Amino acid sequence: MPTVSSDIRYAVASAVAGGVVFVALSWAVEGEVDWVRGAAFMLAFGVVVTVALVYSKQEK
């Protein structure tokens, strides 16, 4: 399944970008960074993006 590996590469980049936005917003709103929630957000965001990419390609 070569498409899954390319989907994972895209999802990792998206999760990192989402994590950067989460850290910036967390720091701006709360004045400190919650690393545990940030890591959980990045993991969940990466999984959601990967699943969405895999299923969107299956329907074509």
PDB file of N, CA and C in Angstrom:
ATOM      1  N   MET A   1       0.829  -1.181   0.000  1.00  0.00           N
ATOM      2  CA  MET A   1       0.000   0.000   0.000  1.00  0.00           C
ATOM      3  C   MET A   1       0.877   1.250   0.000  1.00  0.00           C
ATOM      4  N   PRO A   2       1.407   1.613  -1.138  1.00  0.00           N
ATOM      5  CA  PRO A   2       2.289   2.788  -1.186  1.00  0.00           C
ATOM      6  C   PRO A   2       1.559   4.097  -0.923  1.00  0.00           C
ATOM      7  N   THR A   3       0.256   4.143  -1.141  1.00  0.00           N
ATOM      8  CA  THR A   3      -0.455   5.401  -0.911  1.00  0.00           C
ATOM      9  C   THR A   3      -0.587   5.714   0.568  1.00  0.00           C
ATOM     10  N   VAL A   4      -0.620   4.699   1.407  1.00  0.00           N
ATOM     11  CA  VAL A   4      -0.743   4.940   2.842  1.00  0.00           C
ATOM     12  C   VAL A   4       0.500   5.641   3.364  1.00  0.00           C
ATOM     13  N   SER A   5       1.678   5.230   2.903  1.00  0.00           N
ATOM     14  CA  SER A   5       2.902   5.879   3.381  1.00  0.00           C
ATOM     15  C   SER A   5       2.955   7.340   2.948  1.00  0.00           C
ATOM     16  N   SER A   6       2.491   7.651   1.761  1.00  0.00           N
ATOM     17  CA  SER A   6       2.462   9.054   1.342  1.00  0.00           C
ATOM     18  C   SER A   6       1.414   9.831   2.137  1.00  0.00           C
ATOM     19  N   ASP A   7       0.316   9.175   2.481  1.00  0.00           N
ATOM     20  CA  ASP A   7      -0.699   9.818   3.320  1.00  0.00           C
ATOM     21  C   ASP A   7      -0.150  10.106   4.710  1.00  0.00           C
ATOM     22  N   ILE A   8       0.627   9.175   5.247  1.00  0.00           N
ATOM     23  CA  ILE A   8       1.211   9.376   6.572  1.00  0.00           C
ATOM     24  C   ILE A   8       2.210  10.524   6.542  1.00  0.00           C
ATOM     25  N   ARG A   9       3.002  10.624   5.481  1.00  0.00           N
ATOM     26  CA  ARG A   9       3.941  11.750   5.374  1.00  0.00           C
ATOM     27  C   ARG A   9       3.193  13.078   5.360  1.00  0.00           C
ATOM     28  N   TYR A  10       2.092  13.157   4.648  1.00  0.00           N
ATOM     29  CA  TYR A  10       1.295  14.381   4.617  1.00  0.00           C
ATOM     30  C   TYR A  10       0.651  14.641   5.972  1.00  0.00           C
ATOM     31  N   ALA A  11       0.183  13.579   6.631  1.00  0.00           N
ATOM     32  CA  ALA A  11      -0.468  13.731   7.931  1.00  0.00           C
ATOM     33  C   ALA A  11       0.512  14.205   8.997  1.00  0.00           C
ATOM     34  N   VAL A  12       1.753  13.726   8.947  1.00  0.00           N
ATOM     35  CA  VAL A  12       2.755  14.167   9.928  1.00  0.00           C
ATOM     36  C   VAL A  12       3.026  15.655   9.765  1.00  0.00           C
ATOM     37  N   ALA A  13       3.180  16.089   8.534  1.00  0.00           N
ATOM     38  CA  ALA A  13       3.402  17.524   8.298  1.00  0.00           C
ATOM     39  C   ALA A  13       2.200  18.347   8.758  1.00  0.00           C
ATOM     40  N   SER A  14       1.009  17.857   8.509  1.00  0.00           N
ATOM     41  CA  SER A  14      -0.194  18.565   8.950  1.00  0.00           C
ATOM     42  C   SER A  14      -0.298  18.590  10.468  1.00  0.00           C
ATOM     43  N   ALA A  15       0.053  17.487  11.110  1.00  0.00           N
ATOM     44  CA  ALA A  15      -0.003  17.428  12.574  1.00  0.00           C
ATOM     45  C   ALA A  15       1.011  18.371  13.204  1.00  0.00           C
ATOM     46  N   VAL A  16       2.195  18.463  12.620  1.00  0.00           N
ATOM     47  CA  VAL A  16       3.205  19.388  13.145  1.00  0.00           C
ATOM     48  C   VAL A  16       2.729  20.827  12.996  1.00  0.00           C
ATOM     49  N   ALA A  17       2.165  21.145  11.843  1.00  0.00           N
ATOM     50  CA  ALA A  17       1.638  22.503  11.646  1.00  0.00           C
ATOM     51  C   ALA A  17       0.500  22.784  12.629  1.00  0.00           C
ATOM     52  N   GLY A  18      -0.371  21.818  12.828  1.00  0.00           N
ATOM     53  CA  GLY A  18      -1.444  21.981  13.807  1.00  0.00           C
ATOM     54  C   GLY A  18      -0.910  22.129  15.220  1.00  0.00           C
ATOM     55  N   GLY A  19       0.150  21.410  15.537  1.00  0.00           N
ATOM     56  CA  GLY A  19       0.775  21.525  16.850  1.00  0.00           C
ATOM     57  C   GLY A  19       1.387  22.888  17.085  1.00  0.00           C
ATOM     58  N   VAL A  20       1.997  23.446  16.055  1.00  0.00           N
ATOM     59  CA  VAL A  20       2.569  24.793  16.172  1.00  0.00           C
ATOM     60  C   VAL A  20       1.463  25.814  16.431  1.00  0.00           C
ATOM     61  N   VAL A  21       0.360  25.685  15.725  1.00  0.00           N
ATOM     62  CA  VAL A  21      -0.773  26.585  15.943  1.00  0.00           C
ATOM     63  C   VAL A  21      -1.331  26.392  17.353  1.00  0.00           C
ATOM     64  N   PHE A  22      -1.439  25.146  17.806  1.00  0.00           N
ATOM     65  CA  PHE A  22      -1.934  24.869  19.157  1.00  0.00           C
ATOM     66  C   PHE A  22      -1.032  25.506  20.208  1.00  0.00           C
ATOM     67  N   VAL A  23       0.286  25.363  20.049  1.00  0.00           N
ATOM     68  CA  VAL A  23       1.233  25.944  21.012  1.00  0.00           C
ATOM     69  C   VAL A  23       1.112  27.463  21.029  1.00  0.00           C
ATOM     70  N   ALA A  24       1.022  28.067  19.854  1.00  0.00           N
ATOM     71  CA  ALA A  24       0.913  29.524  19.783  1.00  0.00           C
ATOM     72  C   ALA A  24      -0.373  30.011  20.452  1.00  0.00           C
ATOM     73  N   LEU A  25      -1.481  29.361  20.170  1.00  0.00           N
ATOM     74  CA  LEU A  25      -2.749  29.764  20.781  1.00  0.00           C
ATOM     75  C   LEU A  25      -2.763  29.489  22.282  1.00  0.00           C
ATOM     76  N   SER A  26      -2.208  28.362  22.687  1.00  0.00           N
ATOM     77  CA  SER A  26      -2.150  28.036  24.113  1.00  0.00           C
ATOM     78  C   SER A  26      -1.320  29.059  24.869  1.00  0.00           C
ATOM     79  N   TRP A  27      -0.204  29.427  24.302  1.00  0.00           N
ATOM     80  CA  TRP A  27       0.666  30.412  24.950  1.00  0.00           C
ATOM     81  C   TRP A  27       0.012  31.793  24.976  1.00  0.00           C
ATOM     82  N   ALA A  28      -0.673  32.158  23.895  1.00  0.00           N
ATOM     83  CA  ALA A  28      -1.317  33.469  23.826  1.00  0.00           C
ATOM     84  C   ALA A  28      -2.502  33.568  24.791  1.00  0.00           C
ATOM     85  N   VAL A  29      -3.264  32.500  24.934  1.00  0.00           N
ATOM     86  CA  VAL A  29      -4.464  32.537  25.768  1.00  0.00           C
ATOM     87  C   VAL A  29      -4.136  32.301  27.241  1.00  0.00           C
ATOM     88  N   GLU A  30      -3.338  31.267  27.523  1.00  0.00           N
ATOM     89  CA  GLU A  30      -3.090  30.876  28.906  1.00  0.00           C
ATOM     90  C   GLU A  30      -1.774  31.408  29.466  1.00  0.00           C
ATOM     91  N   GLY A  31      -0.892  31.875  28.609  1.00  0.00           N
ATOM     92  CA  GLY A  31       0.401  32.365  29.068  1.00  0.00           C
ATOM     93  C   GLY A  31       1.430  31.278  29.291  1.00  0.00           C
ATOM     94  N   GLU A  32       1.054  30.039  29.078  1.00  0.00           N
ATOM     95  CA  GLU A  32       1.990  28.923  29.183  1.00  0.00           C
ATOM     96  C   GLU A  32       1.559  27.835  28.208  1.00  0.00           C
ATOM     97  N   VAL A  33       2.467  26.920  27.942  1.00  0.00           N
ATOM     98  CA  VAL A  33       2.186  25.863  26.977  1.00  0.00           C
ATOM     99  C   VAL A  33       1.885  24.569  27.724  1.00  0.00           C
ATOM    100  N   ASP A  34       0.777  23.951  27.383  1.00  0.00           N
ATOM    101  CA  ASP A  34       0.419  22.649  27.946  1.00  0.00           C
ATOM    102  C   ASP A  34       0.919  21.580  26.972  1.00  0.00           C
ATOM    103  N   TRP A  35       2.071  21.010  27.269  1.00  0.00           N
ATOM    104  CA  TRP A  35       2.717  20.076  26.349  1.00  0.00           C
ATOM    105  C   TRP A  35       1.947  18.773  26.209  1.00  0.00           C
ATOM    106  N   VAL A  36       1.302  18.328  27.254  1.00  0.00           N
ATOM    107  CA  VAL A  36       0.574  17.059  27.196  1.00  0.00           C
ATOM    108  C   VAL A  36      -0.640  17.187  26.280  1.00  0.00           C
ATOM    109  N   ARG A  37      -1.426  18.239  26.464  1.00  0.00           N
ATOM    110  CA  ARG A  37      -2.579  18.451  25.570  1.00  0.00           C
ATOM    111  C   ARG A  37      -2.123  18.714  24.144  1.00  0.00           C
ATOM    112  N   GLY A  38      -1.006  19.405  23.977  1.00  0.00           N
ATOM    113  CA  GLY A  38      -0.473  19.660  22.639  1.00  0.00           C
ATOM    114  C   GLY A  38      -0.071  18.377  21.937  1.00  0.00           C
ATOM    115  N   ALA A  39       0.592  17.483  22.675  1.00  0.00           N
ATOM    116  CA  ALA A  39       0.987  16.200  22.089  1.00  0.00           C
ATOM    117  C   ALA A  39      -0.233  15.357  21.747  1.00  0.00           C
ATOM    118  N   ALA A  40      -1.232  15.353  22.622  1.00  0.00           N
ATOM    119  CA  ALA A  40      -2.460  14.603  22.346  1.00  0.00           C
ATOM    120  C   ALA A  40      -3.179  15.175  21.130  1.00  0.00           C
ATOM    121  N   PHE A  41      -3.200  16.499  21.016  1.00  0.00           N
ATOM    122  CA  PHE A  41      -3.833  17.138  19.867  1.00  0.00           C
ATOM    123  C   PHE A  41      -3.115  16.758  18.577  1.00  0.00           C
ATOM    124  N   MET A  42      -1.785  16.797  18.587  1.00  0.00           N
ATOM    125  CA  MET A  42      -1.026  16.450  17.387  1.00  0.00           C
ATOM    126  C   MET A  42      -1.267  15.002  16.983  1.00  0.00           C
ATOM    127  N   LEU A  43      -1.292  14.098  17.952  1.00  0.00           N
ATOM    128  CA  LEU A  43      -1.534  12.689  17.655  1.00  0.00           C
ATOM    129  C   LEU A  43      -2.927  12.487  17.068  1.00  0.00           C
ATOM    130  N   ALA A  44      -3.927  13.061  17.702  1.00  0.00           N
ATOM    131  CA  ALA A  44      -5.302  12.920  17.211  1.00  0.00           C
ATOM    132  C   ALA A  44      -5.470  13.558  15.836  1.00  0.00           C
ATOM    133  N   PHE A  45      -4.879  14.732  15.638  1.00  0.00           N
ATOM    134  CA  PHE A  45      -4.983  15.419  14.357  1.00  0.00           C
ATOM    135  C   PHE A  45      -4.325  14.596  13.251  1.00  0.00           C
ATOM    136  N   GLY A  46      -3.167  14.019  13.536  1.00  0.00           N
ATOM    137  CA  GLY A  46      -2.484  13.178  12.552  1.00  0.00           C
ATOM    138  C   GLY A  46      -3.283  11.947  12.182  1.00  0.00           C
ATOM    139  N   VAL A  47      -3.907  11.319  13.165  1.00  0.00           N
ATOM    140  CA  VAL A  47      -4.722  10.134  12.896  1.00  0.00           C
ATOM    141  C   VAL A  47      -5.936  10.504  12.052  1.00  0.00           C
ATOM    142  N   VAL A  48      -6.595  11.589  12.388  1.00  0.00           N
ATOM    143  CA  VAL A  48      -7.779  12.017  11.634  1.00  0.00           C
ATOM    144  C   VAL A  48      -7.417  12.349  10.189  1.00  0.00           C
ATOM    145  N   VAL A  49      -6.318  13.059   9.983  1.00  0.00           N
ATOM    146  CA  VAL A  49      -5.906  13.409   8.619  1.00  0.00           C
ATOM    147  C   VAL A  49      -5.556  12.153   7.828  1.00  0.00           C
ATOM    148  N   THR A  50      -4.845  11.211   8.443  1.00  0.00           N
ATOM    149  CA  THR A  50      -4.479   9.974   7.750  1.00  0.00           C
ATOM    150  C   THR A  50      -5.714   9.180   7.355  1.00  0.00           C
ATOM    151  N   VAL A  51      -6.637   9.009   8.277  1.00  0.00           N
ATOM    152  CA  VAL A  51      -7.863   8.257   7.980  1.00  0.00           C
ATOM    153  C   VAL A  51      -8.667   8.959   6.891  1.00  0.00           C
ATOM    154  N   ALA A  52      -8.761  10.265   6.965  1.00  0.00           N
ATOM    155  CA  ALA A  52      -9.508  11.013   5.945  1.00  0.00           C
ATOM    156  C   ALA A  52      -8.872  10.858   4.571  1.00  0.00           C
ATOM    157  N   LEU A  53      -7.556  10.920   4.498  1.00  0.00           N
ATOM    158  CA  LEU A  53      -6.883  10.769   3.209  1.00  0.00           C
ATOM    159  C   LEU A  53      -7.060   9.363   2.648  1.00  0.00           C
ATOM    160  N   VAL A  54      -6.939   8.358   3.490  1.00  0.00           N
ATOM    161  CA  VAL A  54      -7.087   6.978   3.028  1.00  0.00           C
ATOM    162  C   VAL A  54      -8.501   6.735   2.516  1.00  0.00           C
ATOM    163  N   TYR A  55      -9.513   7.150   3.265  1.00  0.00           N
ATOM    164  CA  TYR A  55     -10.895   6.914   2.847  1.00  0.00           C
ATOM    165  C   TYR A  55     -11.307   7.777   1.659  1.00  0.00           C
ATOM    166  N   SER A  56     -10.757   8.965   1.529  1.00  0.00           N
ATOM    167  CA  SER A  56     -11.121   9.797   0.385  1.00  0.00           C
ATOM    168  C   SER A  56     -10.575   9.210  -0.912  1.00  0.00           C
ATOM    169  N   LYS A  57      -9.459   8.532  -0.845  1.00  0.00           N
ATOM    170  CA  LYS A  57      -8.897   7.913  -2.048  1.00  0.00           C
ATOM    171  C   LYS A  57      -9.601   6.609  -2.391  1.00  0.00           C
ATOM    172  N   GLN A  58     -10.202   5.943  -1.411  1.00  0.00           N
ATOM    173  CA  GLN A  58     -10.908   4.694  -1.679  1.00  0.00           C
ATOM    174  C   GLN A  58     -12.213   4.932  -2.409  1.00  0.00           C
ATOM    175  N   GLU A  59     -12.823   6.077  -2.235  1.00  0.00           N
ATOM    176  CA  GLU A  59     -14.118   6.344  -2.858  1.00  0.00           C
ATOM    177  C   GLU A  59     -13.994   6.770  -4.314  1.00  0.00           C
ATOM    178  N   LYS A  60     -12.812   7.084  -4.768  1.00  0.00           N
ATOM    179  CA  LYS A  60     -12.632   7.533  -6.160  1.00  0.00           C
ATOM    180  C   LYS A  60     -12.685   6.396  -7.130  1.00  0.00           C
TER     181      LYS A  60
END
